[in-house]
Amino acid sequence: MMSGETFPEDAFASLMSCRDPDLVVVTASAGGERGGCLVGFHAQSSIDPARYSVWLSKANHTYRVALRSTHLGIHFLDAQDFALAERFGTLTGDDTDKFAGLATQTGPGGAPILEDCPRRLLARRVALLDDGGDHVCVSVEPLAVHGGEPFTPLRLSHAAHLSPGHGNQERNNPPTERASTGPT
């Protein structure tokens, strides 16, 4: 393909559908509000210094909480963790406390830690990248890593039938609750 040429969108979608990424639950807390969502877009993004990146949907309540948070919890799901994937992937934090009934602890910066998910990364937010798409990249610095032993990750193909709590085109305006009231 030469510079300036375009490609059919379905070609990109077709190529991406061949991937089967593992799933994580990302948690955040700010201003007494907790959020958590199922994420398929995530990866190690630097070796030195160590960095990890997650892409959060602008439609999600968790995105709005993460914008105000200083730290994130990134919980790597095992193939047996389907119930967590379903809870954090199909419910919306706009009207549901996704953490109700779950064993949690408070991590750095108030980030909720899911006790039943021992493979996790607790991290400090270092950068945000919004390139205009429907997701925002959050780059984090790992502070603590738990459960490095081998496991079978829960993959997108195991959860593809779940209906998300928000569609990818839904976006709040203003993007955060704080933006609607001005600086505090």
Protein backbone atom coordinates (compact mmCIF):
# COMPACT_ATOMS: atom_id res chain seq x y z
CA MET A 1 0.00 0.00 0.00
CA MET A 2 1.40 3.37 -1.00
CA SER A 3 1.25 6.51 1.11
CA GLY A 4 -2.13 8.19 0.79
CA GLU A 5 -3.95 4.97 -0.14
CA THR A 6 -6.81 3.82 2.04
CA PHE A 7 -7.82 0.32 3.03
CA PRO A 8 -11.26 -1.14 3.57
CA GLU A 9 -12.25 -1.00 7.25
CA ASP A 10 -13.45 -4.60 7.10
CA ALA A 11 -9.89 -5.69 6.19
CA PHE A 12 -8.61 -4.25 9.48
CA ALA A 13 -11.50 -5.78 11.43
CA SER A 14 -10.90 -9.13 9.75
CA LEU A 15 -7.21 -9.12 10.64
CA MET A 16 -7.91 -8.08 14.25
CA SER A 17 -10.57 -10.80 14.63
CA CYS A 18 -7.84 -13.40 14.15
CA ARG A 19 -6.26 -12.34 17.43
CA ASP A 20 -7.35 -13.84 20.72
CA PRO A 21 -5.97 -11.59 23.47
CA ASP A 22 -6.05 -12.45 27.14
CA LEU A 23 -8.40 -10.43 29.32
CA VAL A 24 -7.74 -8.34 32.42
CA VAL A 25 -9.89 -6.41 34.86
CA VAL A 26 -8.66 -2.87 35.45
CA THR A 27 -9.68 -1.14 38.69
CA ALA A 28 -9.38 2.48 39.81
CA SER A 29 -10.60 4.76 42.57
CA ALA A 30 -10.91 8.53 42.91
CA GLY A 31 -12.97 10.83 45.09
CA GLY A 32 -14.56 7.94 46.97
CA GLU A 33 -15.73 6.36 43.72
CA ARG A 34 -14.53 2.93 42.51
CA GLY A 35 -14.53 1.62 38.97
CA GLY A 36 -13.56 -1.59 37.25
CA CYS A 37 -13.89 -2.91 33.72
CA LEU A 38 -12.95 -5.84 31.52
CA VAL A 39 -10.12 -4.94 29.12
CA GLY A 40 -8.76 -6.73 26.08
CA PHE A 41 -6.43 -3.95 24.90
CA HIS A 42 -3.31 -4.10 27.11
CA ALA A 43 0.40 -4.86 26.84
CA GLN A 44 3.85 -4.37 28.27
CA SER A 45 5.01 -1.13 26.68
CA SER A 46 8.58 -0.67 27.96
CA ILE A 47 11.34 -2.81 29.45
CA ASP A 48 13.50 -0.08 31.01
CA PRO A 49 11.86 1.64 32.71
CA ALA A 50 9.16 -0.99 33.22
CA ARG A 51 5.84 0.21 31.80
CA TYR A 52 2.48 -1.38 31.04
CA SER A 53 -0.36 0.15 29.06
CA VAL A 54 -4.10 -0.40 29.09
CA TRP A 55 -6.63 1.13 26.74
CA LEU A 56 -9.91 2.13 28.40
CA SER A 57 -13.15 2.75 26.54
CA LYS A 58 -14.34 6.34 26.77
CA ALA A 59 -17.86 4.97 27.25
CA ASN A 60 -17.00 3.25 30.53
CA HIS A 61 -17.54 4.56 34.04
CA THR A 62 -14.07 3.16 34.85
CA TYR A 63 -12.51 5.47 32.26
CA ARG A 64 -14.02 8.50 34.01
CA VAL A 65 -12.75 7.28 37.40
CA ALA A 66 -9.30 6.45 35.98
CA LEU A 67 -8.96 10.00 34.60
CA ARG A 68 -9.02 11.23 38.20
CA SER A 69 -7.08 8.35 39.78
CA THR A 70 -3.37 8.14 40.46
CA HIS A 71 -3.10 4.32 40.48
CA LEU A 72 -4.62 1.30 38.75
CA GLY A 73 -5.01 -2.35 39.61
CA ILE A 74 -4.59 -4.69 36.62
CA HIS A 75 -5.91 -8.18 37.37
CA PHE A 76 -4.94 -10.99 34.98
CA LEU A 77 -7.83 -13.43 34.58
CA ASP A 78 -7.39 -17.19 34.64
CA ALA A 79 -9.55 -19.37 32.38
CA GLN A 80 -11.62 -20.14 35.50
CA ASP A 81 -12.38 -16.44 36.16
CA PHE A 82 -15.30 -16.17 33.74
CA ALA A 83 -17.66 -14.89 36.46
CA LEU A 84 -15.35 -11.90 37.07
CA ALA A 85 -15.14 -11.26 33.32
CA GLU A 86 -18.92 -11.34 33.08
CA ARG A 87 -19.40 -9.02 36.07
CA PHE A 88 -16.83 -6.43 34.99
CA GLY A 89 -17.60 -6.75 31.28
CA THR A 90 -21.41 -6.66 31.17
CA LEU A 91 -22.45 -4.43 34.07
CA THR A 92 -21.98 -0.68 34.06
CA GLY A 93 -20.58 1.17 37.04
CA ASP A 94 -22.93 4.03 36.18
CA ASP A 95 -25.70 2.22 38.06
CA THR A 96 -24.10 -0.88 39.63
CA ASP A 97 -21.50 -1.42 42.34
CA LYS A 98 -19.47 -4.12 40.57
CA PHE A 99 -17.47 -4.70 43.76
CA ALA A 100 -20.52 -5.57 45.92
CA GLY A 101 -20.05 -8.99 47.51
CA LEU A 102 -16.45 -9.36 46.32
CA ALA A 103 -13.48 -9.65 48.66
CA THR A 104 -11.40 -6.52 48.07
CA GLN A 105 -8.51 -4.64 49.60
CA THR A 106 -7.36 -1.10 49.04
CA GLY A 107 -4.12 -0.80 47.10
CA PRO A 108 -1.81 2.11 46.32
CA GLY A 109 -3.69 5.33 45.60
CA GLY A 110 -6.92 3.65 46.68
CA ALA A 111 -7.03 1.26 43.71
CA PRO A 112 -9.37 -1.64 44.52
CA ILE A 113 -7.65 -5.03 44.65
CA LEU A 114 -9.71 -8.13 43.82
CA GLU A 115 -8.55 -10.69 46.40
CA ASP A 116 -9.86 -13.65 44.36
CA CYS A 117 -7.61 -12.68 41.46
CA PRO A 118 -4.04 -13.33 42.67
CA ARG A 119 -2.26 -12.44 39.40
CA ARG A 120 -2.16 -8.68 39.43
CA LEU A 121 -0.12 -5.61 38.77
CA LEU A 122 -0.52 -2.57 41.00
CA ALA A 123 0.70 0.53 39.27
CA ARG A 124 1.02 4.31 39.28
CA ARG A 125 -0.44 6.18 36.33
CA VAL A 126 2.28 8.04 34.40
CA ALA A 127 0.66 9.15 31.12
CA LEU A 128 -2.54 9.29 29.11
CA LEU A 129 -2.77 9.27 25.33
CA ASP A 130 -6.01 10.24 23.63
CA ASP A 131 -5.54 10.06 19.86
CA GLY A 132 -9.23 10.70 19.16
CA GLY A 133 -10.36 7.06 19.04
CA ASP A 134 -12.94 5.42 21.26
CA HIS A 135 -10.27 4.24 23.75
CA VAL A 136 -7.60 6.11 25.73
CA CYS A 137 -4.18 4.63 26.47
CA VAL A 138 -3.14 4.74 30.12
CA SER A 139 0.55 4.08 30.68
CA VAL A 140 1.47 2.87 34.17
CA GLU A 141 4.60 2.22 36.21
CA PRO A 142 4.45 -1.14 38.05
CA LEU A 143 4.77 -0.78 41.83
CA ALA A 144 3.92 -4.34 42.89
CA VAL A 145 3.46 -7.58 40.98
CA HIS A 146 1.75 -10.65 42.44
CA GLY A 147 1.30 -14.21 41.20
CA GLY A 148 3.90 -14.64 38.49
CA GLU A 149 3.40 -18.41 38.34
CA PRO A 150 2.15 -19.92 35.07
CA PHE A 151 -1.60 -19.93 34.44
CA THR A 152 -4.04 -20.37 31.58
CA PRO A 153 -5.38 -16.92 30.72
CA LEU A 154 -9.03 -16.22 30.00
CA ARG A 155 -9.13 -15.20 26.35
CA LEU A 156 -11.47 -13.02 24.34
CA SER A 157 -12.81 -16.07 22.50
CA HIS A 158 -14.15 -17.39 25.83
CA ALA A 159 -16.01 -14.15 26.56
CA ALA A 160 -16.86 -12.88 23.07
CA HIS A 161 -20.56 -13.65 23.56
CA LEU A 162 -20.88 -11.21 26.49
CA SER A 163 -22.79 -7.98 25.84
CA PRO A 164 -20.88 -4.95 27.15
CA GLY A 165 -22.44 -2.56 29.64
CA HIS A 166 -21.84 0.27 27.13
CA GLY A 167 -21.42 0.32 23.37
CA ASN A 168 -18.17 1.70 21.96
CA GLN A 169 -19.96 4.74 20.52
CA GLU A 170 -21.40 5.87 23.87
CA ARG A 171 -19.45 8.74 25.38
CA ASN A 172 -20.44 10.99 28.23
CA ASN A 173 -20.56 14.71 27.67
CA PRO A 174 -18.93 16.11 29.73
CA PRO A 175 -16.43 13.24 29.89
CA THR A 176 -16.23 13.28 33.71
CA GLU A 177 -18.55 14.13 36.54
CA ARG A 178 -16.01 16.70 37.79
CA ALA A 179 -16.00 18.48 34.42
CA SER A 180 -19.73 19.15 34.75
CA THR A 181 -19.25 21.07 38.00
CA GLY A 182 -15.95 22.78 37.22
CA PRO A 183 -12.75 22.68 39.29
CA THR A 184 -13.01 21.65 42.91
